[in-house]
Amino acid sequence: MTVIVVSGTGTEIGKTVTTAAVAAVARAAGRSVAVLKPAQTGVAPGEPGDAQEVLRLAGDGITTRELVRYPEPLAPDVAARRSGRAQVHPREVADAAAKLATEHDLVLVEGAGGLLVRLDDEGGTLADAARLLGAPVLVVVSAGLGSLNTTQLTAEALRARGVRQLGPLIGSWPAVPDLASRCNLADLPKDAGSPLLGAVPEGAGALDGADFRAAAASWLGPELGGTWDGPSFAEREAPAPPAH
């Protein structure tokens, strides 16, 4: 697998920290890694964006590339129109990722917001870029109430477009999970149609780089090069049956 597209069921859901974890584990295994951010929104010129955060957490030696940057925290198509800057199109994203893939063992393409957030006025999305690349999509999901619906909708959108889902991964597992989160460990794979591929703990992005890299493999399943054991995790976190 050369290219993985990292998307999610919404914004502020843990995509960047998940991307950094996958990159860190791949680098620790001796693979060359590139991270592509097609559209960075809500960041002014000169300010660090998501690609720089991946570098901070995953460490040096990773190639990063950002195609476009817009100052307002909006969907890329809207942010482009308001800023007067050029939009980015799925073909450009696919071409940039394909070029990076000729030079690296693994390319991670981190989207903005959810899967179907528009990149351009033609309605192009990250899903279209994944289809052009023939790349699977790692879907970062939330843990708690409401995540089953958005996870199923994302899975259906991928199937409708003929794009393979690599699997869902919880982007921020609470330190004190509520009942919905614990029940969702059993139900998320059903709604995604794929086993869970990991769970990144809440607050992982606040770790310093060395601590982050030391722990990253324990958050990712074997499909992503890690040691996370989904069945054991689910059994440990499963809620007790209700009292009668």
Protein backbone atom coordinates (compact mmCIF):
# COMPACT_ATOMS: atom_id res chain seq x y z
CA MET A 1 0.00 0.00 0.00
CA THR A 2 1.59 3.26 -1.12
CA VAL A 3 -1.09 5.94 -0.62
CA ILE A 4 -3.60 6.21 2.21
CA VAL A 5 -6.19 8.96 2.24
CA VAL A 6 -7.05 10.09 5.78
CA SER A 7 -10.55 11.48 6.07
CA GLY A 8 -13.14 11.59 8.81
CA THR A 9 -16.76 11.90 9.76
CA GLY A 10 -16.35 15.59 10.59
CA THR A 11 -13.94 18.31 11.58
CA GLU A 12 -11.81 18.50 14.75
CA ILE A 13 -12.06 14.74 15.03
CA GLY A 14 -8.39 13.74 15.24
CA LYS A 15 -7.30 13.42 11.61
CA THR A 16 -4.00 15.23 12.07
CA VAL A 17 -3.00 13.32 15.19
CA THR A 18 -3.99 10.06 13.49
CA THR A 19 -1.94 11.00 10.41
CA ALA A 20 1.03 11.73 12.68
CA ALA A 21 0.65 8.38 14.45
CA VAL A 22 0.57 6.43 11.18
CA ALA A 23 3.56 8.40 9.92
CA ALA A 24 5.53 7.82 13.13
CA VAL A 25 4.93 4.06 13.07
CA ALA A 26 5.90 3.83 9.40
CA ARG A 27 9.09 5.82 10.01
CA ALA A 28 9.99 3.61 12.97
CA ALA A 29 9.69 0.63 10.64
CA GLY A 30 12.21 2.23 8.28
CA ARG A 31 9.77 3.41 5.62
CA SER A 32 10.06 6.75 3.85
CA VAL A 33 6.93 8.84 4.42
CA ALA A 34 5.33 11.88 2.81
CA VAL A 35 2.31 13.79 4.11
CA LEU A 36 0.18 15.78 1.68
CA LYS A 37 -2.28 18.41 2.90
CA PRO A 38 -4.32 19.41 -0.16
CA ALA A 39 -6.12 22.35 1.44
CA GLN A 40 -5.14 24.00 4.71
CA THR A 41 -7.84 26.34 6.00
CA GLY A 42 -7.99 28.69 8.95
CA VAL A 43 -4.25 29.36 9.03
CA ALA A 44 -2.55 32.61 8.06
CA PRO A 45 0.62 32.77 5.94
CA GLY A 46 3.66 31.82 7.99
CA GLU A 47 1.67 30.11 10.74
CA PRO A 48 2.19 26.38 11.31
CA GLY A 49 -0.52 24.19 9.81
CA ASP A 50 -1.45 20.53 10.06
CA ALA A 51 1.60 19.36 8.12
CA GLN A 52 3.89 21.11 10.59
CA GLU A 53 2.00 19.51 13.48
CA VAL A 54 2.58 16.09 11.94
CA LEU A 55 6.29 16.87 11.79
CA ARG A 56 6.33 17.99 15.43
CA LEU A 57 4.70 14.78 16.59
CA ALA A 58 6.09 12.21 14.16
CA GLY A 59 9.62 13.62 13.96
CA ASP A 60 12.02 14.75 11.28
CA GLY A 61 12.62 12.84 8.09
CA ILE A 62 9.06 13.13 6.79
CA THR A 63 8.34 15.03 3.58
CA THR A 64 5.40 17.42 3.86
CA ARG A 65 3.59 19.29 1.12
CA GLU A 66 0.67 21.71 1.27
CA LEU A 67 -1.06 22.55 -2.02
CA VAL A 68 -3.16 25.58 -1.04
CA ARG A 69 -3.75 27.64 2.10
CA TYR A 70 -6.73 29.80 2.97
CA PRO A 71 -6.91 32.08 6.03
CA GLU A 72 -10.53 31.48 7.01
CA PRO A 73 -11.68 28.25 8.73
CA LEU A 74 -14.24 27.29 6.09
CA ALA A 75 -14.80 24.54 3.56
CA PRO A 76 -12.04 24.80 0.93
CA ASP A 77 -14.32 25.89 -1.93
CA VAL A 78 -15.88 28.67 0.16
CA ALA A 79 -12.53 29.70 1.65
CA ALA A 80 -11.03 29.93 -1.85
CA ARG A 81 -13.86 32.10 -3.17
CA ARG A 82 -13.71 34.46 -0.20
CA SER A 83 -9.94 34.80 -0.36
CA GLY A 84 -9.79 35.22 -4.13
CA ARG A 85 -7.24 32.43 -4.31
CA ALA A 86 -7.20 29.47 -6.66
CA GLN A 87 -9.18 26.39 -5.77
CA VAL A 88 -7.63 22.95 -5.59
CA HIS A 89 -9.19 20.17 -7.67
CA PRO A 90 -9.25 16.40 -7.10
CA ARG A 91 -7.03 15.77 -10.12
CA GLU A 92 -4.37 18.10 -8.70
CA VAL A 93 -4.52 16.26 -5.37
CA ALA A 94 -4.23 12.89 -7.08
CA ASP A 95 -1.35 14.02 -9.28
CA ALA A 96 0.58 15.44 -6.32
CA ALA A 97 0.07 12.28 -4.26
CA ALA A 98 1.04 10.04 -7.17
CA LYS A 99 4.27 12.00 -7.68
CA LEU A 100 5.14 11.72 -3.98
CA ALA A 101 4.41 7.98 -4.17
CA THR A 102 7.17 7.53 -6.76
CA GLU A 103 9.65 8.85 -4.20
CA HIS A 104 8.32 7.47 -0.89
CA ASP A 105 7.18 4.15 0.55
CA LEU A 106 4.05 5.68 2.06
CA VAL A 107 2.04 8.81 1.23
CA LEU A 108 -0.63 10.05 3.63
CA VAL A 109 -3.18 12.50 2.19
CA GLU A 110 -4.98 14.33 4.98
CA GLY A 111 -8.27 15.91 4.04
CA ALA A 112 -10.09 18.91 5.47
CA GLY A 113 -13.26 18.24 7.44
CA GLY A 114 -15.37 15.29 6.35
CA LEU A 115 -15.17 13.11 3.27
CA LEU A 116 -17.57 15.09 1.07
CA VAL A 117 -16.44 18.63 1.93
CA ARG A 118 -16.18 20.41 -1.42
CA LEU A 119 -12.78 21.36 -2.74
CA ASP A 120 -14.00 23.32 -5.75
CA ASP A 121 -17.06 24.81 -7.43
CA GLU A 122 -17.53 21.65 -9.50
CA GLY A 123 -18.27 19.68 -6.34
CA GLY A 124 -14.96 17.82 -6.29
CA THR A 125 -14.15 16.12 -2.99
CA LEU A 126 -11.42 14.13 -1.29
CA ALA A 127 -13.38 11.00 -2.19
CA ASP A 128 -12.90 11.89 -5.86
CA ALA A 129 -9.15 12.23 -5.33
CA ALA A 130 -9.07 8.83 -3.62
CA ARG A 131 -10.98 7.30 -6.54
CA LEU A 132 -8.55 8.77 -9.06
CA LEU A 133 -5.64 7.40 -7.03
CA GLY A 134 -7.24 4.01 -6.42
CA ALA A 135 -6.27 4.61 -2.77
CA PRO A 136 -8.09 3.35 0.33
CA VAL A 137 -9.55 5.76 2.87
CA LEU A 138 -8.81 5.59 6.58
CA VAL A 139 -11.90 7.05 8.26
CA VAL A 140 -11.28 8.83 11.56
CA VAL A 141 -14.42 8.68 13.69
CA SER A 142 -15.58 10.07 17.01
CA ALA A 143 -16.21 7.78 19.96
CA GLY A 144 -19.48 8.94 21.44
CA LEU A 145 -23.12 9.59 20.75
CA GLY A 146 -23.87 10.34 17.08
CA SER A 147 -20.83 8.59 15.68
CA LEU A 148 -22.70 5.52 14.44
CA ASN A 149 -24.80 7.58 12.02
CA THR A 150 -21.90 9.59 10.60
CA THR A 151 -19.74 6.48 10.33
CA GLN A 152 -22.42 4.64 8.36
CA LEU A 153 -23.07 7.63 6.10
CA THR A 154 -19.35 7.91 5.31
CA ALA A 155 -19.09 4.20 4.58
CA GLU A 156 -22.09 4.38 2.24
CA ALA A 157 -20.63 7.40 0.45
CA LEU A 158 -17.38 5.52 -0.16
CA ARG A 159 -19.17 2.43 -1.47
CA ALA A 160 -21.34 4.54 -3.77
CA ARG A 161 -18.20 5.99 -5.34
CA GLY A 162 -16.37 2.70 -5.62
CA VAL A 163 -13.71 3.77 -3.11
CA ARG A 164 -12.35 1.21 -0.67
CA GLN A 165 -12.52 1.97 3.00
CA LEU A 166 -9.39 0.89 4.83
CA GLY A 167 -11.38 0.99 8.04
CA PRO A 168 -12.51 3.28 10.87
CA LEU A 169 -10.25 4.52 13.64
CA ILE A 170 -11.31 6.42 16.75
CA GLY A 171 -9.49 9.74 16.69
CA SER A 172 -9.92 10.64 20.38
CA TRP A 173 -10.76 7.90 22.88
CA PRO A 174 -11.91 9.55 26.13
CA ALA A 175 -9.92 9.09 29.32
CA VAL A 176 -13.26 8.42 31.00
CA PRO A 177 -15.51 6.97 28.26
CA ASP A 178 -19.25 7.32 28.67
CA LEU A 179 -21.77 4.55 28.05
CA ALA A 180 -22.29 5.47 24.38
CA SER A 181 -18.56 5.38 23.67
CA ARG A 182 -18.13 1.98 25.29
CA CYS A 183 -21.16 0.51 23.51
CA ASN A 184 -19.93 1.96 20.20
CA LEU A 185 -16.82 -0.22 20.28
CA ALA A 186 -19.05 -3.14 19.31
CA ASP A 187 -21.30 -1.20 16.94
CA LEU A 188 -18.87 1.01 15.00
CA PRO A 189 -17.42 -1.92 13.01
CA LYS A 190 -20.96 -2.97 12.04
CA ASP A 191 -21.85 0.48 10.75
CA ALA A 192 -18.50 0.94 9.00
CA GLY A 193 -18.55 -2.56 7.52
CA SER A 194 -14.95 -2.99 8.66
CA PRO A 195 -13.10 -3.76 11.90
CA LEU A 196 -11.77 -0.90 13.99
CA LEU A 197 -8.16 -0.13 13.14
CA GLY A 198 -7.21 1.63 16.37
CA ALA A 199 -8.03 4.21 19.00
CA VAL A 200 -5.91 7.30 19.66
CA PRO A 201 -6.24 8.45 23.27
CA GLU A 202 -7.70 11.83 24.08
CA GLY A 203 -4.94 14.40 24.50
CA ALA A 204 -2.36 12.51 22.43
CA GLY A 205 -1.72 15.63 20.36
CA ALA A 206 -0.54 17.49 23.46
CA LEU A 207 2.35 15.05 24.03
CA ASP A 208 5.86 16.04 23.13
CA GLY A 209 7.26 14.37 20.04
CA ALA A 210 9.38 11.75 21.78
CA ASP A 211 6.53 10.53 24.00
CA PHE A 212 4.13 10.56 21.05
CA ARG A 213 6.44 8.42 18.91
CA ALA A 214 7.08 6.00 21.75
CA ALA A 215 3.36 5.35 22.21
CA ALA A 216 2.01 5.62 18.66
CA ALA A 217 2.25 1.92 17.77
CA SER A 218 0.06 1.00 20.75
CA TRP A 219 -2.79 3.07 19.27
CA LEU A 220 -2.83 1.48 15.81
CA GLY A 221 -3.83 -2.01 14.76
CA PRO A 222 -1.58 -4.38 12.79
CA GLU A 223 -3.11 -3.19 9.50
CA LEU A 224 -1.37 0.13 10.17
CA GLY A 225 1.83 -1.38 11.53
CA GLY A 226 0.90 -1.10 15.21
CA THR A 227 0.20 -3.40 18.13
CA TRP A 228 -3.30 -2.27 19.18
CA ASP A 229 -5.52 -5.30 19.84
CA GLY A 230 -9.11 -4.39 19.01
CA PRO A 231 -10.89 -7.36 20.62
CA SER A 232 -8.91 -7.02 23.85
CA PHE A 233 -9.51 -3.26 23.93
CA ALA A 234 -13.25 -3.72 23.37
CA GLU A 235 -13.48 -6.41 26.05
CA ARG A 236 -11.62 -4.23 28.56
CA GLU A 237 -13.81 -1.18 27.86
CA ALA A 238 -17.15 -2.97 27.45
CA PRO A 239 -19.91 -1.67 29.72
CA ALA A 240 -21.26 -3.86 32.49
CA PRO A 241 -24.77 -5.24 31.88
CA PRO A 242 -27.56 -3.24 33.50
CA ALA A 243 -28.65 -4.25 36.97
CA HIS A 244 -32.05 -5.88 37.30
